[in-house]
Amino acid sequence: QVQLVESGGGSVQAGGSLRLSCAASEYIYWMAWFRQAPGKEREGVAAWRSSSLTVYEDSLKGRFTVSRDNTENTLYLQMNNLRPEDTAMYYCAASSAGSFPGLSEASYHYWGQGTQVTVSS
């Protein structure tokens, strides 16, 4: 059973930055970030396949950057120019699927507890 532990959330003002981290208990091939705002469904944020292939939710391109340190089994999410609408619980997810699941939530088997990001205007 893969354990995922997120960290790095917090409260910032609009325009600020945060870097989220997700430490996995063991190496797992596919990892991604999702988020869920109050009253809304969980949505995909960014998925990592390789340093040359990452997938982002369209509206987040240019502000969010996903990266991975395979030596430490850690996934990162750098979030810049944060907006109040980015306020949400951010979840790390991992998958042992046979092919890259992208931002298909149903394809992810392991989930962290989440880290809260709050952006004030």
N, C-alpha and C. Protein backbone atom coordinates (compact mmCIF):
# COMPACT_ATOMS: atom_id res chain seq x y z
N GLN A 1 0.84 -1.18 0.00
CA GLN A 1 0.00 0.00 0.00
C GLN A 1 0.89 1.25 0.00
N VAL A 2 0.76 2.06 -1.02
CA VAL A 2 1.56 3.26 -1.12
C VAL A 2 0.95 4.35 -0.24
N GLN A 3 1.78 4.97 0.56
CA GLN A 3 1.34 6.08 1.40
C GLN A 3 1.81 7.39 0.78
N LEU A 4 0.92 8.38 0.75
CA LEU A 4 1.23 9.68 0.18
C LEU A 4 1.00 10.74 1.26
N VAL A 5 1.97 11.60 1.43
CA VAL A 5 1.86 12.66 2.44
C VAL A 5 2.16 14.00 1.79
N GLU A 6 1.14 14.86 1.79
CA GLU A 6 1.30 16.19 1.21
C GLU A 6 1.74 17.19 2.27
N SER A 7 2.41 18.24 1.82
CA SER A 7 2.79 19.34 2.70
C SER A 7 2.96 20.59 1.86
N GLY A 8 3.06 21.73 2.53
CA GLY A 8 3.33 22.98 1.83
C GLY A 8 2.15 23.90 1.65
N GLY A 9 0.96 23.44 2.03
CA GLY A 9 -0.20 24.31 1.90
C GLY A 9 -0.15 25.46 2.91
N GLY A 10 -1.07 26.39 2.76
CA GLY A 10 -1.12 27.52 3.68
C GLY A 10 -2.01 28.61 3.16
N SER A 11 -1.91 29.77 3.78
CA SER A 11 -2.70 30.93 3.39
C SER A 11 -1.80 32.00 2.80
N VAL A 12 -2.18 32.48 1.63
CA VAL A 12 -1.41 33.53 0.96
C VAL A 12 -2.36 34.55 0.38
N GLN A 13 -1.83 35.70 0.06
CA GLN A 13 -2.62 36.70 -0.62
C GLN A 13 -2.54 36.46 -2.12
N ALA A 14 -3.53 36.99 -2.82
CA ALA A 14 -3.55 36.86 -4.27
C ALA A 14 -2.24 37.40 -4.86
N GLY A 15 -1.74 36.66 -5.83
CA GLY A 15 -0.46 37.01 -6.44
C GLY A 15 0.72 36.30 -5.82
N GLY A 16 0.51 35.67 -4.68
CA GLY A 16 1.58 34.96 -4.00
C GLY A 16 1.85 33.59 -4.58
N SER A 17 2.80 32.91 -3.97
CA SER A 17 3.22 31.59 -4.45
C SER A 17 3.27 30.60 -3.30
N LEU A 18 3.08 29.35 -3.65
CA LEU A 18 3.25 28.23 -2.72
C LEU A 18 3.86 27.07 -3.49
N ARG A 19 4.58 26.22 -2.76
CA ARG A 19 5.11 25.00 -3.35
C ARG A 19 4.63 23.83 -2.51
N LEU A 20 3.85 22.98 -3.13
CA LEU A 20 3.37 21.79 -2.46
C LEU A 20 4.31 20.63 -2.71
N SER A 21 4.40 19.75 -1.73
CA SER A 21 5.20 18.54 -1.86
C SER A 21 4.35 17.33 -1.54
N CYS A 22 4.67 16.23 -2.17
CA CYS A 22 3.99 14.96 -1.91
C CYS A 22 5.04 13.88 -1.84
N ALA A 23 5.22 13.34 -0.66
CA ALA A 23 6.21 12.29 -0.47
C ALA A 23 5.52 10.93 -0.50
N ALA A 24 6.00 10.06 -1.36
CA ALA A 24 5.46 8.71 -1.48
C ALA A 24 6.34 7.74 -0.70
N SER A 25 5.70 6.73 -0.11
CA SER A 25 6.43 5.77 0.71
C SER A 25 7.30 4.84 -0.11
N GLU A 26 7.00 4.75 -1.41
CA GLU A 26 7.80 3.94 -2.32
C GLU A 26 7.62 4.48 -3.72
N TYR A 27 8.46 4.02 -4.61
CA TYR A 27 8.37 4.51 -5.98
C TYR A 27 7.09 3.99 -6.63
N ILE A 28 6.38 4.89 -7.27
CA ILE A 28 5.20 4.50 -8.05
C ILE A 28 5.23 5.33 -9.32
N TYR A 29 4.83 4.71 -10.40
CA TYR A 29 5.14 5.27 -11.70
C TYR A 29 4.43 6.59 -12.00
N TRP A 30 3.12 6.60 -11.74
CA TRP A 30 2.36 7.79 -12.14
C TRP A 30 1.91 8.56 -10.91
N MET A 31 2.09 9.87 -10.93
CA MET A 31 1.66 10.73 -9.83
C MET A 31 1.03 11.99 -10.38
N ALA A 32 0.12 12.56 -9.59
CA ALA A 32 -0.60 13.74 -10.05
C ALA A 32 -1.13 14.54 -8.87
N TRP A 33 -1.56 15.74 -9.19
CA TRP A 33 -2.22 16.61 -8.22
C TRP A 33 -3.66 16.84 -8.64
N PHE A 34 -4.55 16.81 -7.66
CA PHE A 34 -5.95 17.16 -7.85
C PHE A 34 -6.31 18.19 -6.78
N ARG A 35 -7.45 18.83 -6.96
CA ARG A 35 -7.90 19.76 -5.93
C ARG A 35 -9.41 19.75 -5.85
N GLN A 36 -9.92 20.13 -4.68
CA GLN A 36 -11.36 20.21 -4.48
C GLN A 36 -11.69 21.45 -3.70
N ALA A 37 -12.42 22.34 -4.33
CA ALA A 37 -12.87 23.56 -3.68
C ALA A 37 -14.18 23.28 -2.95
N PRO A 38 -14.51 24.07 -1.95
CA PRO A 38 -15.77 23.86 -1.22
C PRO A 38 -16.97 23.88 -2.15
N GLY A 39 -17.80 22.87 -2.03
CA GLY A 39 -19.01 22.81 -2.83
C GLY A 39 -18.81 22.40 -4.26
N LYS A 40 -17.58 22.03 -4.62
CA LYS A 40 -17.30 21.64 -6.00
C LYS A 40 -16.73 20.24 -6.05
N GLU A 41 -16.77 19.66 -7.24
CA GLU A 41 -16.20 18.34 -7.41
C GLU A 41 -14.66 18.44 -7.51
N ARG A 42 -14.02 17.34 -7.20
CA ARG A 42 -12.57 17.31 -7.32
C ARG A 42 -12.18 17.40 -8.80
N GLU A 43 -11.13 18.14 -9.08
CA GLU A 43 -10.69 18.31 -10.46
C GLU A 43 -9.19 18.07 -10.55
N GLY A 44 -8.76 17.67 -11.72
CA GLY A 44 -7.35 17.46 -11.95
C GLY A 44 -6.60 18.77 -12.07
N VAL A 45 -5.38 18.78 -11.57
CA VAL A 45 -4.54 19.98 -11.64
C VAL A 45 -3.37 19.73 -12.58
N ALA A 46 -2.57 18.72 -12.26
CA ALA A 46 -1.39 18.44 -13.08
C ALA A 46 -0.97 17.00 -12.86
N ALA A 47 -0.49 16.38 -13.90
CA ALA A 47 -0.01 15.00 -13.82
C ALA A 47 1.40 14.92 -14.41
N TRP A 48 2.19 14.05 -13.83
CA TRP A 48 3.59 13.89 -14.25
C TRP A 48 3.76 12.55 -14.94
N ARG A 49 4.33 12.60 -16.11
CA ARG A 49 4.72 11.36 -16.78
C ARG A 49 6.24 11.28 -16.88
N SER A 50 6.85 12.36 -17.30
CA SER A 50 8.30 12.43 -17.39
C SER A 50 8.66 13.91 -17.41
N SER A 51 9.95 14.18 -17.39
CA SER A 51 10.36 15.59 -17.41
C SER A 51 9.95 16.27 -18.69
N SER A 52 9.68 15.48 -19.71
CA SER A 52 9.29 16.08 -20.99
C SER A 52 7.81 15.95 -21.26
N LEU A 53 7.09 15.32 -20.36
CA LEU A 53 5.65 15.19 -20.57
C LEU A 53 4.90 15.36 -19.27
N THR A 54 4.23 16.50 -19.17
CA THR A 54 3.35 16.75 -18.04
C THR A 54 2.02 17.24 -18.59
N VAL A 55 0.97 17.05 -17.83
CA VAL A 55 -0.37 17.42 -18.25
C VAL A 55 -0.95 18.38 -17.22
N TYR A 56 -1.55 19.45 -17.70
CA TYR A 56 -2.14 20.44 -16.82
C TYR A 56 -3.59 20.69 -17.20
N GLU A 57 -4.37 21.03 -16.20
CA GLU A 57 -5.70 21.55 -16.47
C GLU A 57 -5.47 22.86 -17.25
N ASP A 58 -6.21 23.05 -18.30
CA ASP A 58 -5.93 24.14 -19.25
C ASP A 58 -5.79 25.51 -18.60
N SER A 59 -6.66 25.81 -17.66
CA SER A 59 -6.67 27.16 -17.10
C SER A 59 -5.49 27.43 -16.18
N LEU A 60 -4.73 26.37 -15.85
CA LEU A 60 -3.63 26.52 -14.91
C LEU A 60 -2.26 26.61 -15.59
N LYS A 61 -2.25 26.35 -16.87
CA LYS A 61 -0.98 26.40 -17.59
C LYS A 61 -0.36 27.79 -17.46
N GLY A 62 0.93 27.78 -17.22
CA GLY A 62 1.64 29.05 -17.10
C GLY A 62 1.75 29.54 -15.67
N ARG A 63 0.87 29.09 -14.80
CA ARG A 63 0.94 29.49 -13.39
C ARG A 63 1.42 28.36 -12.49
N PHE A 64 1.05 27.14 -12.84
CA PHE A 64 1.41 25.98 -12.03
C PHE A 64 2.45 25.14 -12.78
N THR A 65 3.40 24.60 -12.02
CA THR A 65 4.41 23.72 -12.61
C THR A 65 4.58 22.49 -11.74
N VAL A 66 4.45 21.33 -12.37
CA VAL A 66 4.63 20.07 -11.65
C VAL A 66 6.03 19.53 -11.94
N SER A 67 6.65 18.98 -10.93
CA SER A 67 7.97 18.38 -11.10
C SER A 67 8.08 17.19 -10.15
N ARG A 68 9.13 16.42 -10.37
CA ARG A 68 9.26 15.20 -9.57
C ARG A 68 10.73 14.93 -9.31
N ASP A 69 11.00 14.50 -8.09
CA ASP A 69 12.33 14.05 -7.70
C ASP A 69 12.23 12.55 -7.47
N ASN A 70 12.66 11.78 -8.44
CA ASN A 70 12.51 10.33 -8.35
C ASN A 70 13.43 9.71 -7.29
N THR A 71 14.51 10.38 -6.97
CA THR A 71 15.40 9.83 -5.95
C THR A 71 14.75 9.87 -4.57
N GLU A 72 13.79 10.78 -4.40
CA GLU A 72 13.12 10.89 -3.11
C GLU A 72 11.65 10.55 -3.21
N ASN A 73 11.23 10.02 -4.36
CA ASN A 73 9.82 9.65 -4.55
C ASN A 73 8.90 10.82 -4.16
N THR A 74 9.26 12.00 -4.59
CA THR A 74 8.50 13.18 -4.21
C THR A 74 8.02 13.94 -5.43
N LEU A 75 6.76 14.32 -5.38
CA LEU A 75 6.15 15.13 -6.44
C LEU A 75 5.94 16.53 -5.89
N TYR A 76 6.19 17.52 -6.73
CA TYR A 76 6.03 18.90 -6.32
C TYR A 76 5.01 19.62 -7.21
N LEU A 77 4.44 20.68 -6.64
CA LEU A 77 3.58 21.56 -7.43
C LEU A 77 3.94 22.99 -7.05
N GLN A 78 4.58 23.68 -7.96
CA GLN A 78 4.89 25.09 -7.77
C GLN A 78 3.72 25.91 -8.29
N MET A 79 3.14 26.73 -7.43
CA MET A 79 1.97 27.52 -7.79
C MET A 79 2.32 29.00 -7.66
N ASN A 80 2.25 29.69 -8.77
CA ASN A 80 2.59 31.12 -8.80
C ASN A 80 1.36 31.94 -9.16
N ASN A 81 1.43 33.22 -8.84
CA ASN A 81 0.33 34.14 -9.16
C ASN A 81 -1.02 33.56 -8.74
N LEU A 82 -1.07 33.14 -7.50
CA LEU A 82 -2.28 32.48 -7.00
C LEU A 82 -3.46 33.44 -6.97
N ARG A 83 -4.62 32.88 -7.20
CA ARG A 83 -5.87 33.63 -7.24
C ARG A 83 -6.84 33.08 -6.18
N PRO A 84 -7.79 33.87 -5.75
CA PRO A 84 -8.75 33.36 -4.77
C PRO A 84 -9.46 32.09 -5.24
N GLU A 85 -9.67 31.97 -6.53
CA GLU A 85 -10.35 30.77 -7.05
C GLU A 85 -9.47 29.53 -7.00
N ASP A 86 -8.20 29.68 -6.63
CA ASP A 86 -7.34 28.53 -6.43
C ASP A 86 -7.51 27.93 -5.03
N THR A 87 -8.28 28.59 -4.20
CA THR A 87 -8.52 28.08 -2.85
C THR A 87 -9.19 26.71 -2.93
N ALA A 88 -8.56 25.73 -2.28
CA ALA A 88 -9.06 24.36 -2.34
C ALA A 88 -8.19 23.48 -1.46
N MET A 89 -8.67 22.27 -1.26
CA MET A 89 -7.84 21.22 -0.69
C MET A 89 -7.12 20.56 -1.86
N TYR A 90 -5.82 20.47 -1.76
CA TYR A 90 -5.02 19.88 -2.82
C TYR A 90 -4.59 18.48 -2.42
N TYR A 91 -4.83 17.54 -3.32
CA TYR A 91 -4.54 16.13 -3.06
C TYR A 91 -3.49 15.62 -4.02
N CYS A 92 -2.62 14.80 -3.48
CA CYS A 92 -1.67 14.05 -4.30
C CYS A 92 -2.28 12.68 -4.57
N ALA A 93 -2.05 12.19 -5.77
CA ALA A 93 -2.57 10.88 -6.14
C ALA A 93 -1.50 10.11 -6.90
N ALA A 94 -1.59 8.80 -6.79
CA ALA A 94 -0.63 7.94 -7.48
C ALA A 94 -1.37 6.75 -8.09
N SER A 95 -0.80 6.26 -9.17
CA SER A 95 -1.46 5.19 -9.90
C SER A 95 -0.45 4.14 -10.34
N SER A 96 -0.91 2.89 -10.33
CA SER A 96 -0.11 1.79 -10.84
C SER A 96 -0.69 1.27 -12.15
N ALA A 97 -1.44 2.12 -12.81
CA ALA A 97 -2.04 1.73 -14.08
C ALA A 97 -0.97 1.36 -15.10
N GLY A 98 -1.38 0.60 -16.09
CA GLY A 98 -0.44 0.15 -17.10
C GLY A 98 -0.02 1.21 -18.09
N SER A 99 -0.80 2.28 -18.17
CA SER A 99 -0.44 3.39 -19.06
C SER A 99 -0.72 4.70 -18.36
N PHE A 100 -0.17 5.77 -18.89
CA PHE A 100 -0.29 7.08 -18.26
C PHE A 100 -1.75 7.49 -18.12
N PRO A 101 -2.21 7.70 -16.88
CA PRO A 101 -3.63 8.02 -16.69
C PRO A 101 -3.96 9.49 -16.86
N GLY A 102 -2.96 10.34 -17.00
CA GLY A 102 -3.24 11.76 -17.16
C GLY A 102 -3.99 12.30 -15.95
N LEU A 103 -5.08 12.99 -16.20
CA LEU A 103 -5.89 13.57 -15.13
C LEU A 103 -7.20 12.81 -14.96
N SER A 104 -7.17 11.54 -15.28
CA SER A 104 -8.34 10.71 -15.09
C SER A 104 -8.40 10.26 -13.64
N GLU A 105 -9.24 10.90 -12.88
CA GLU A 105 -9.28 10.65 -11.44
C GLU A 105 -9.53 9.19 -11.11
N ALA A 106 -10.38 8.55 -11.86
CA ALA A 106 -10.75 7.17 -11.56
C ALA A 106 -9.58 6.21 -11.72
N SER A 107 -8.53 6.63 -12.42
CA SER A 107 -7.38 5.77 -12.66
C SER A 107 -6.34 5.82 -11.55
N TYR A 108 -6.56 6.67 -10.57
CA TYR A 108 -5.60 6.81 -9.48
C TYR A 108 -6.06 5.98 -8.28
N HIS A 109 -5.14 5.14 -7.79
CA HIS A 109 -5.49 4.17 -6.75
C HIS A 109 -5.15 4.64 -5.35
N TYR A 110 -4.21 5.56 -5.24
CA TYR A 110 -3.73 5.97 -3.93
C TYR A 110 -3.87 7.48 -3.80
N TRP A 111 -4.30 7.91 -2.61
CA TRP A 111 -4.56 9.32 -2.38
C TRP A 111 -3.97 9.75 -1.04
N GLY A 112 -3.46 10.98 -1.00
CA GLY A 112 -3.05 11.56 0.25
C GLY A 112 -4.22 12.17 0.99
N GLN A 113 -3.94 12.70 2.17
CA GLN A 113 -4.98 13.30 2.99
C GLN A 113 -5.31 14.72 2.56
N GLY A 114 -4.45 15.32 1.80
CA GLY A 114 -4.70 16.66 1.30
C GLY A 114 -4.00 17.74 2.11
N THR A 115 -3.75 18.85 1.46
CA THR A 115 -3.19 20.02 2.12
C THR A 115 -3.98 21.24 1.66
N GLN A 116 -4.39 22.07 2.59
CA GLN A 116 -5.27 23.19 2.29
C GLN A 116 -4.49 24.39 1.76
N VAL A 117 -5.00 24.95 0.68
CA VAL A 117 -4.47 26.19 0.12
C VAL A 117 -5.58 27.23 0.16
N THR A 118 -5.31 28.35 0.79
CA THR A 118 -6.29 29.43 0.88
C THR A 118 -5.66 30.71 0.34
N VAL A 119 -6.33 31.30 -0.64
CA VAL A 119 -5.82 32.52 -1.27
C VAL A 119 -6.82 33.64 -1.01
N SER A 120 -6.36 34.69 -0.38
CA SER A 120 -7.24 35.82 -0.07
C SER A 120 -7.00 36.96 -1.05
N SER A 121 -8.05 37.72 -1.28
CA SER A 121 -7.96 38.82 -2.24
C SER A 121 -7.47 40.09 -1.59
